[in-house]
Amino acid sequence: MKNIYDKPNAEEIAELAEKGKDISRYFSNSGKMKYPVQRVNVDFTTNMLAELDTIASELNISRQAVIKTYLRQAMDQHYIANKTAS
């Protein structure tokens, strides 16, 4: 009987996949999908950065989290507005 600790490591699973073998049994599908991330540069005025930092401090989150959250909200509002205009 095969020991449960004899499961292949990530490199071995990758090799099996490259050989076209079915590797689905090694995944539980219980994790979250990680989408690719691309870095961008955005210019902000000094005053706007100060406002972002104040909000971040009030919410106890990073400046980046504030920017991403507010941008997501604005994009959602944009899509909702376009749906109702149609």
PDB file of N, CA and C in Angstrom:
ATOM      1  N   MET A   1       0.834  -1.180   0.000  1.00  0.00           N
ATOM      2  CA  MET A   1       0.000   0.000   0.000  1.00  0.00           C
ATOM      3  C   MET A   1       0.876   1.240   0.000  1.00  0.00           C
ATOM      4  N   LYS A   2       0.515   2.217  -0.828  1.00  0.00           N
ATOM      5  CA  LYS A   2       1.308   3.433  -0.957  1.00  0.00           C
ATOM      6  C   LYS A   2       1.040   4.378   0.215  1.00  0.00           C
ATOM      7  N   ASN A   3       2.087   4.921   0.773  1.00  0.00           N
ATOM      8  CA  ASN A   3       1.995   5.859   1.880  1.00  0.00           C
ATOM      9  C   ASN A   3       1.441   7.191   1.370  1.00  0.00           C
ATOM     10  N   ILE A   4       0.576   7.864   2.154  1.00  0.00           N
ATOM     11  CA  ILE A   4       0.006   9.148   1.722  1.00  0.00           C
ATOM     12  C   ILE A   4       1.080  10.225   1.602  1.00  0.00           C
ATOM     13  N   TYR A   5       2.219  10.009   2.240  1.00  0.00           N
ATOM     14  CA  TYR A   5       3.296  10.984   2.175  1.00  0.00           C
ATOM     15  C   TYR A   5       4.146  10.810   0.915  1.00  0.00           C
ATOM     16  N   ASP A   6       3.816   9.826   0.103  1.00  0.00           N
ATOM     17  CA  ASP A   6       4.548   9.591  -1.137  1.00  0.00           C
ATOM     18  C   ASP A   6       3.991  10.408  -2.303  1.00  0.00           C
ATOM     19  N   LYS A   7       3.157  11.404  -2.003  1.00  0.00           N
ATOM     20  CA  LYS A   7       2.608  12.247  -3.060  1.00  0.00           C
ATOM     21  C   LYS A   7       3.739  13.044  -3.694  1.00  0.00           C
ATOM     22  N   PRO A   8       3.642  13.293  -4.989  1.00  0.00           N
ATOM     23  CA  PRO A   8       4.703  14.060  -5.651  1.00  0.00           C
ATOM     24  C   PRO A   8       4.707  15.517  -5.196  1.00  0.00           C
ATOM     25  N   ASN A   9       5.883  16.134  -5.264  1.00  0.00           N
ATOM     26  CA  ASN A   9       5.977  17.551  -4.930  1.00  0.00           C
ATOM     27  C   ASN A   9       5.603  18.386  -6.155  1.00  0.00           C
ATOM     28  N   ALA A  10       5.639  19.696  -6.028  1.00  0.00           N
ATOM     29  CA  ALA A  10       5.204  20.590  -7.096  1.00  0.00           C
ATOM     30  C   ALA A  10       6.005  20.388  -8.389  1.00  0.00           C
ATOM     31  N   GLU A  11       7.303  20.189  -8.254  1.00  0.00           N
ATOM     32  CA  GLU A  11       8.135  19.992  -9.443  1.00  0.00           C
ATOM     33  C   GLU A  11       7.764  18.701 -10.172  1.00  0.00           C
ATOM     34  N   GLU A  12       7.511  17.648  -9.386  1.00  0.00           N
ATOM     35  CA  GLU A  12       7.141  16.363  -9.987  1.00  0.00           C
ATOM     36  C   GLU A  12       5.771  16.443 -10.661  1.00  0.00           C
ATOM     37  N   ILE A  13       4.849  17.180 -10.051  1.00  0.00           N
ATOM     38  CA  ILE A  13       3.524  17.369 -10.666  1.00  0.00           C
ATOM     39  C   ILE A  13       3.673  18.146 -11.964  1.00  0.00           C
ATOM     40  N   ALA A  14       4.528  19.165 -11.958  1.00  0.00           N
ATOM     41  CA  ALA A  14       4.761  19.953 -13.172  1.00  0.00           C
ATOM     42  C   ALA A  14       5.328  19.076 -14.284  1.00  0.00           C
ATOM     43  N   GLU A  15       6.248  18.192 -13.926  1.00  0.00           N
ATOM     44  CA  GLU A  15       6.820  17.279 -14.922  1.00  0.00           C
ATOM     45  C   GLU A  15       5.749  16.357 -15.502  1.00  0.00           C
ATOM     46  N   LEU A  16       4.865  15.850 -14.642  1.00  0.00           N
ATOM     47  CA  LEU A  16       3.768  15.005 -15.120  1.00  0.00           C
ATOM     48  C   LEU A  16       2.874  15.782 -16.089  1.00  0.00           C
ATOM     49  N   ALA A  17       2.582  17.034 -15.745  1.00  0.00           N
ATOM     50  CA  ALA A  17       1.739  17.870 -16.605  1.00  0.00           C
ATOM     51  C   ALA A  17       2.411  18.104 -17.949  1.00  0.00           C
ATOM     52  N   GLU A  18       3.711  18.353 -17.932  1.00  0.00           N
ATOM     53  CA  GLU A  18       4.449  18.572 -19.182  1.00  0.00           C
ATOM     54  C   GLU A  18       4.432  17.331 -20.067  1.00  0.00           C
ATOM     55  N   LYS A  19       4.331  16.158 -19.440  1.00  0.00           N
ATOM     56  CA  LYS A  19       4.267  14.904 -20.194  1.00  0.00           C
ATOM     57  C   LYS A  19       2.841  14.593 -20.652  1.00  0.00           C
ATOM     58  N   GLY A  20       1.896  15.490 -20.310  1.00  0.00           N
ATOM     59  CA  GLY A  20       0.516  15.297 -20.725  1.00  0.00           C
ATOM     60  C   GLY A  20      -0.285  14.382 -19.825  1.00  0.00           C
ATOM     61  N   LYS A  21       0.240  14.082 -18.657  1.00  0.00           N
ATOM     62  CA  LYS A  21      -0.458  13.197 -17.719  1.00  0.00           C
ATOM     63  C   LYS A  21      -1.575  13.961 -17.001  1.00  0.00           C
ATOM     64  N   ASP A  22      -2.597  13.250 -16.556  1.00  0.00           N
ATOM     65  CA  ASP A  22      -3.696  13.841 -15.792  1.00  0.00           C
ATOM     66  C   ASP A  22      -3.216  14.105 -14.372  1.00  0.00           C
ATOM     67  N   ILE A  23      -3.208  15.368 -13.973  1.00  0.00           N
ATOM     68  CA  ILE A  23      -2.746  15.734 -12.631  1.00  0.00           C
ATOM     69  C   ILE A  23      -3.888  16.251 -11.765  1.00  0.00           C
ATOM     70  N   SER A  24      -5.114  16.146 -12.232  1.00  0.00           N
ATOM     71  CA  SER A  24      -6.256  16.707 -11.507  1.00  0.00           C
ATOM     72  C   SER A  24      -6.427  16.107 -10.114  1.00  0.00           C
ATOM     73  N   ARG A  25      -6.013  14.882  -9.909  1.00  0.00           N
ATOM     74  CA  ARG A  25      -6.192  14.244  -8.594  1.00  0.00           C
ATOM     75  C   ARG A  25      -5.342  14.905  -7.510  1.00  0.00           C
ATOM     76  N   TYR A  26      -4.363  15.692  -7.895  1.00  0.00           N
ATOM     77  CA  TYR A  26      -3.502  16.358  -6.917  1.00  0.00           C
ATOM     78  C   TYR A  26      -4.058  17.700  -6.453  1.00  0.00           C
ATOM     79  N   PHE A  27      -5.216  18.097  -6.977  1.00  0.00           N
ATOM     80  CA  PHE A  27      -5.790  19.395  -6.644  1.00  0.00           C
ATOM     81  C   PHE A  27      -7.177  19.219  -6.041  1.00  0.00           C
ATOM     82  N   SER A  28      -7.470  19.989  -5.019  1.00  0.00           N
ATOM     83  CA  SER A  28      -8.750  19.858  -4.317  1.00  0.00           C
ATOM     84  C   SER A  28      -9.799  20.850  -4.817  1.00  0.00           C
ATOM     85  N   ASN A  29      -9.376  21.846  -5.594  1.00  0.00           N
ATOM     86  CA  ASN A  29     -10.257  22.923  -6.058  1.00  0.00           C
ATOM     87  C   ASN A  29     -10.878  23.693  -4.903  1.00  0.00           C
ATOM     88  N   SER A  30     -10.241  23.684  -3.749  1.00  0.00           N
ATOM     89  CA  SER A  30     -10.753  24.418  -2.602  1.00  0.00           C
ATOM     90  C   SER A  30     -10.080  25.782  -2.443  1.00  0.00           C
ATOM     91  N   GLY A  31      -9.063  26.056  -3.238  1.00  0.00           N
ATOM     92  CA  GLY A  31      -8.362  27.325  -3.125  1.00  0.00           C
ATOM     93  C   GLY A  31      -9.025  28.421  -3.939  1.00  0.00           C
ATOM     94  N   LYS A  32      -8.544  29.626  -3.780  1.00  0.00           N
ATOM     95  CA  LYS A  32      -9.059  30.763  -4.539  1.00  0.00           C
ATOM     96  C   LYS A  32      -8.222  30.958  -5.791  1.00  0.00           C
ATOM     97  N   MET A  33      -8.885  31.419  -6.841  1.00  0.00           N
ATOM     98  CA  MET A  33      -8.207  31.710  -8.094  1.00  0.00           C
ATOM     99  C   MET A  33      -7.356  32.965  -7.923  1.00  0.00           C
ATOM    100  N   LYS A  34      -6.122  32.884  -8.299  1.00  0.00           N
ATOM    101  CA  LYS A  34      -5.240  34.053  -8.248  1.00  0.00           C
ATOM    102  C   LYS A  34      -5.093  34.588  -9.660  1.00  0.00           C
ATOM    103  N   TYR A  35      -5.547  35.798  -9.845  1.00  0.00           N
ATOM    104  CA  TYR A  35      -5.480  36.409 -11.160  1.00  0.00           C
ATOM    105  C   TYR A  35      -4.125  37.081 -11.340  1.00  0.00           C
ATOM    106  N   PRO A  36      -3.654  37.144 -12.583  1.00  0.00           N
ATOM    107  CA  PRO A  36      -2.363  37.798 -12.822  1.00  0.00           C
ATOM    108  C   PRO A  36      -2.413  39.269 -12.406  1.00  0.00           C
ATOM    109  N   VAL A  37      -1.309  39.747 -11.908  1.00  0.00           N
ATOM    110  CA  VAL A  37      -1.211  41.136 -11.461  1.00  0.00           C
ATOM    111  C   VAL A  37      -0.204  41.849 -12.344  1.00  0.00           C
ATOM    112  N   GLN A  38      -0.548  43.060 -12.725  1.00  0.00           N
ATOM    113  CA  GLN A  38       0.379  43.870 -13.504  1.00  0.00           C
ATOM    114  C   GLN A  38       0.549  45.201 -12.778  1.00  0.00           C
ATOM    115  N   ARG A  39       1.770  45.582 -12.565  1.00  0.00           N
ATOM    116  CA  ARG A  39       2.043  46.858 -11.893  1.00  0.00           C
ATOM    117  C   ARG A  39       1.880  48.013 -12.873  1.00  0.00           C
ATOM    118  N   VAL A  40       1.350  49.105 -12.350  1.00  0.00           N
ATOM    119  CA  VAL A  40       1.219  50.325 -13.145  1.00  0.00           C
ATOM    120  C   VAL A  40       1.701  51.506 -12.314  1.00  0.00           C
ATOM    121  N   ASN A  41       2.080  52.547 -12.983  1.00  0.00           N
ATOM    122  CA  ASN A  41       2.472  53.782 -12.310  1.00  0.00           C
ATOM    123  C   ASN A  41       1.372  54.809 -12.505  1.00  0.00           C
ATOM    124  N   VAL A  42       0.981  55.456 -11.431  1.00  0.00           N
ATOM    125  CA  VAL A  42      -0.046  56.495 -11.480  1.00  0.00           C
ATOM    126  C   VAL A  42       0.499  57.704 -10.742  1.00  0.00           C
ATOM    127  N   ASP A  43       0.329  58.867 -11.350  1.00  0.00           N
ATOM    128  CA  ASP A  43       0.779  60.112 -10.718  1.00  0.00           C
ATOM    129  C   ASP A  43      -0.373  60.729  -9.932  1.00  0.00           C
ATOM    130  N   PHE A  44      -0.104  61.111  -8.687  1.00  0.00           N
ATOM    131  CA  PHE A  44      -1.074  61.779  -7.830  1.00  0.00           C
ATOM    132  C   PHE A  44      -0.472  63.089  -7.351  1.00  0.00           C
ATOM    133  N   THR A  45      -1.331  64.058  -7.108  1.00  0.00           N
ATOM    134  CA  THR A  45      -0.846  65.296  -6.507  1.00  0.00           C
ATOM    135  C   THR A  45      -0.492  65.025  -5.049  1.00  0.00           C
ATOM    136  N   THR A  46       0.295  65.896  -4.477  1.00  0.00           N
ATOM    137  CA  THR A  46       0.680  65.757  -3.076  1.00  0.00           C
ATOM    138  C   THR A  46      -0.552  65.798  -2.179  1.00  0.00           C
ATOM    139  N   ASN A  47      -1.489  66.682  -2.502  1.00  0.00           N
ATOM    140  CA  ASN A  47      -2.708  66.794  -1.690  1.00  0.00           C
ATOM    141  C   ASN A  47      -3.537  65.512  -1.767  1.00  0.00           C
ATOM    142  N   MET A  48      -3.636  64.930  -2.946  1.00  0.00           N
ATOM    143  CA  MET A  48      -4.408  63.709  -3.096  1.00  0.00           C
ATOM    144  C   MET A  48      -3.759  62.562  -2.324  1.00  0.00           C
ATOM    145  N   LEU A  49      -2.448  62.491  -2.357  1.00  0.00           N
ATOM    146  CA  LEU A  49      -1.745  61.458  -1.580  1.00  0.00           C
ATOM    147  C   LEU A  49      -1.983  61.641  -0.084  1.00  0.00           C
ATOM    148  N   ALA A  50      -1.999  62.889   0.350  1.00  0.00           N
ATOM    149  CA  ALA A  50      -2.266  63.155   1.775  1.00  0.00           C
ATOM    150  C   ALA A  50      -3.671  62.694   2.142  1.00  0.00           C
ATOM    151  N   GLU A  51      -4.642  62.953   1.252  1.00  0.00           N
ATOM    152  CA  GLU A  51      -6.009  62.494   1.502  1.00  0.00           C
ATOM    153  C   GLU A  51      -6.071  60.973   1.551  1.00  0.00           C
ATOM    154  N   LEU A  52      -5.407  60.320   0.605  1.00  0.00           N
ATOM    155  CA  LEU A  52      -5.386  58.860   0.585  1.00  0.00           C
ATOM    156  C   LEU A  52      -4.759  58.304   1.859  1.00  0.00           C
ATOM    157  N   ASP A  53      -3.681  58.924   2.296  1.00  0.00           N
ATOM    158  CA  ASP A  53      -3.013  58.471   3.519  1.00  0.00           C
ATOM    159  C   ASP A  53      -3.905  58.668   4.746  1.00  0.00           C
ATOM    160  N   THR A  54      -4.666  59.761   4.777  1.00  0.00           N
ATOM    161  CA  THR A  54      -5.591  59.994   5.886  1.00  0.00           C
ATOM    162  C   THR A  54      -6.669  58.921   5.919  1.00  0.00           C
ATOM    163  N   ILE A  55      -7.240  58.631   4.760  1.00  0.00           N
ATOM    164  CA  ILE A  55      -8.277  57.594   4.672  1.00  0.00           C
ATOM    165  C   ILE A  55      -7.695  56.241   5.064  1.00  0.00           C
ATOM    166  N   ALA A  56      -6.512  55.935   4.551  1.00  0.00           N
ATOM    167  CA  ALA A  56      -5.866  54.654   4.871  1.00  0.00           C
ATOM    168  C   ALA A  56      -5.646  54.526   6.373  1.00  0.00           C
ATOM    169  N   SER A  57      -5.224  55.609   7.004  1.00  0.00           N
ATOM    170  CA  SER A  57      -4.992  55.603   8.448  1.00  0.00           C
ATOM    171  C   SER A  57      -6.304  55.403   9.204  1.00  0.00           C
ATOM    172  N   GLU A  58      -7.359  56.090   8.768  1.00  0.00           N
ATOM    173  CA  GLU A  58      -8.669  55.949   9.417  1.00  0.00           C
ATOM    174  C   GLU A  58      -9.197  54.521   9.310  1.00  0.00           C
ATOM    175  N   LEU A  59      -8.974  53.894   8.161  1.00  0.00           N
ATOM    176  CA  LEU A  59      -9.477  52.543   7.922  1.00  0.00           C
ATOM    177  C   LEU A  59      -8.496  51.457   8.377  1.00  0.00           C
ATOM    178  N   ASN A  60      -7.295  51.888   8.752  1.00  0.00           N
ATOM    179  CA  ASN A  60      -6.231  50.972   9.172  1.00  0.00           C
ATOM    180  C   ASN A  60      -5.891  49.967   8.066  1.00  0.00           C
ATOM    181  N   ILE A  61      -5.779  50.485   6.849  1.00  0.00           N
ATOM    182  CA  ILE A  61      -5.383  49.673   5.706  1.00  0.00           C
ATOM    183  C   ILE A  61      -4.317  50.436   4.935  1.00  0.00           C
ATOM    184  N   SER A  62      -3.719  49.805   3.948  1.00  0.00           N
ATOM    185  CA  SER A  62      -2.654  50.459   3.181  1.00  0.00           C
ATOM    186  C   SER A  62      -3.230  51.450   2.178  1.00  0.00           C
ATOM    187  N   ARG A  63      -2.394  52.356   1.748  1.00  0.00           N
ATOM    188  CA  ARG A  63      -2.781  53.303   0.699  1.00  0.00           C
ATOM    189  C   ARG A  63      -3.202  52.546  -0.551  1.00  0.00           C
ATOM    190  N   GLN A  64      -2.461  51.507  -0.896  1.00  0.00           N
ATOM    191  CA  GLN A  64      -2.783  50.708  -2.077  1.00  0.00           C
ATOM    192  C   GLN A  64      -4.179  50.096  -1.950  1.00  0.00           C
ATOM    193  N   ALA A  65      -4.519  49.602  -0.772  1.00  0.00           N
ATOM    194  CA  ALA A  65      -5.841  49.004  -0.557  1.00  0.00           C
ATOM    195  C   ALA A  65      -6.942  50.045  -0.739  1.00  0.00           C
ATOM    196  N   VAL A  66      -6.700  51.262  -0.278  1.00  0.00           N
ATOM    197  CA  VAL A  66      -7.681  52.343  -0.466  1.00  0.00           C
ATOM    198  C   VAL A  66      -7.887  52.613  -1.946  1.00  0.00           C
ATOM    199  N   ILE A  67      -6.801  52.750  -2.676  1.00  0.00           N
ATOM    200  CA  ILE A  67      -6.878  53.044  -4.106  1.00  0.00           C
ATOM    201  C   ILE A  67      -7.622  51.934  -4.834  1.00  0.00           C
ATOM    202  N   LYS A  68      -7.263  50.686  -4.569  1.00  0.00           N
ATOM    203  CA  LYS A  68      -7.901  49.560  -5.251  1.00  0.00           C
ATOM    204  C   LYS A  68      -9.384  49.461  -4.898  1.00  0.00           C
ATOM    205  N   THR A  69      -9.721  49.678  -3.634  1.00  0.00           N
ATOM    206  CA  THR A  69     -11.120  49.594  -3.206  1.00  0.00           C
ATOM    207  C   THR A  69     -11.954  50.693  -3.847  1.00  0.00           C
ATOM    208  N   TYR A  70     -11.461  51.924  -3.808  1.00  0.00           N
ATOM    209  CA  TYR A  70     -12.219  53.041  -4.384  1.00  0.00           C
ATOM    210  C   TYR A  70     -12.317  52.923  -5.900  1.00  0.00           C
ATOM    211  N   LEU A  71     -11.274  52.459  -6.526  1.00  0.00           N
ATOM    212  CA  LEU A  71     -11.316  52.274  -7.975  1.00  0.00           C
ATOM    213  C   LEU A  71     -12.333  51.200  -8.340  1.00  0.00           C
ATOM    214  N   ARG A  72     -12.357  50.102  -7.585  1.00  0.00           N
ATOM    215  CA  ARG A  72     -13.340  49.037  -7.840  1.00  0.00           C
ATOM    216  C   ARG A  72     -14.758  49.570  -7.688  1.00  0.00           C
ATOM    217  N   GLN A  73     -15.006  50.377  -6.635  1.00  0.00           N
ATOM    218  CA  GLN A  73     -16.330  50.960  -6.419  1.00  0.00           C
ATOM    219  C   GLN A  73     -16.722  51.865  -7.584  1.00  0.00           C
ATOM    220  N   ALA A  74     -15.792  52.681  -8.046  1.00  0.00           N
ATOM    221  CA  ALA A  74     -16.075  53.591  -9.162  1.00  0.00           C
ATOM    222  C   ALA A  74     -16.366  52.807 -10.438  1.00  0.00           C
ATOM    223  N   MET A  75     -15.624  51.746 -10.675  1.00  0.00           N
ATOM    224  CA  MET A  75     -15.863  50.935 -11.865  1.00  0.00           C
ATOM    225  C   MET A  75     -17.224  50.246 -11.788  1.00  0.00           C
ATOM    226  N   ASP A  76     -17.574  49.724 -10.606  1.00  0.00           N
ATOM    227  CA  ASP A  76     -18.884  49.095 -10.434  1.00  0.00           C
ATOM    228  C   ASP A  76     -20.003  50.097 -10.689  1.00  0.00           C
ATOM    229  N   GLN A  77     -19.861  51.314 -10.165  1.00  0.00           N
ATOM    230  CA  GLN A  77     -20.867  52.359 -10.393  1.00  0.00           C
ATOM    231  C   GLN A  77     -20.971  52.688 -11.878  1.00  0.00           C
ATOM    232  N   HIS A  78     -19.866  52.709 -12.563  1.00  0.00           N
ATOM    233  CA  HIS A  78     -19.856  52.981 -13.998  1.00  0.00           C
ATOM    234  C   HIS A  78     -20.672  51.928 -14.743  1.00  0.00           C
ATOM    235  N   TYR A  79     -20.427  50.663 -14.428  1.00  0.00           N
ATOM    236  CA  TYR A  79     -21.146  49.582 -15.106  1.00  0.00           C
ATOM    237  C   TYR A  79     -22.633  49.592 -14.768  1.00  0.00           C
ATOM    238  N   ILE A  80     -22.966  49.895 -13.518  1.00  0.00           N
ATOM    239  CA  ILE A  80     -24.372  49.976 -13.119  1.00  0.00           C
ATOM    240  C   ILE A  80     -25.053  51.129 -13.856  1.00  0.00           C
ATOM    241  N   ALA A  81     -24.382  52.264 -13.963  1.00  0.00           N
ATOM    242  CA  ALA A  81     -24.951  53.415 -14.666  1.00  0.00           C
ATOM    243  C   ALA A  81     -25.166  53.104 -16.139  1.00  0.00           C
ATOM    244  N   ASN A  82     -24.255  52.378 -16.747  1.00  0.00           N
ATOM    245  CA  ASN A  82     -24.400  52.022 -18.163  1.00  0.00           C
ATOM    246  C   ASN A  82     -25.542  51.035 -18.372  1.00  0.00           C
ATOM    247  N   LYS A  83     -25.768  50.128 -17.423  1.00  0.00           N
ATOM    248  CA  LYS A  83     -26.870  49.165 -17.552  1.00  0.00           C
ATOM    249  C   LYS A  83     -28.213  49.869 -17.462  1.00  0.00           C
ATOM    250  N   THR A  84     -28.332  50.832 -16.551  1.00  0.00           N
ATOM    251  CA  THR A  84     -29.603  51.519 -16.390  1.00  0.00           C
ATOM    252  C   THR A  84     -29.874  52.491 -17.524  1.00  0.00           C
ATOM    253  N   ALA A  85     -28.807  52.968 -18.185  1.00  0.00           N
ATOM    254  CA  ALA A  85     -28.977  53.894 -19.311  1.00  0.00           C
ATOM    255  C   ALA A  85     -29.412  53.165 -20.573  1.00  0.00           C
ATOM    256  N   SER A  86     -29.169  51.868 -20.644  1.00  0.00           N
ATOM    257  CA  SER A  86     -29.502  51.095 -21.839  1.00  0.00           C
ATOM    258  C   SER A  86     -30.966  50.799 -21.937  1.00  0.00           C
TER     259      SER A  86
END
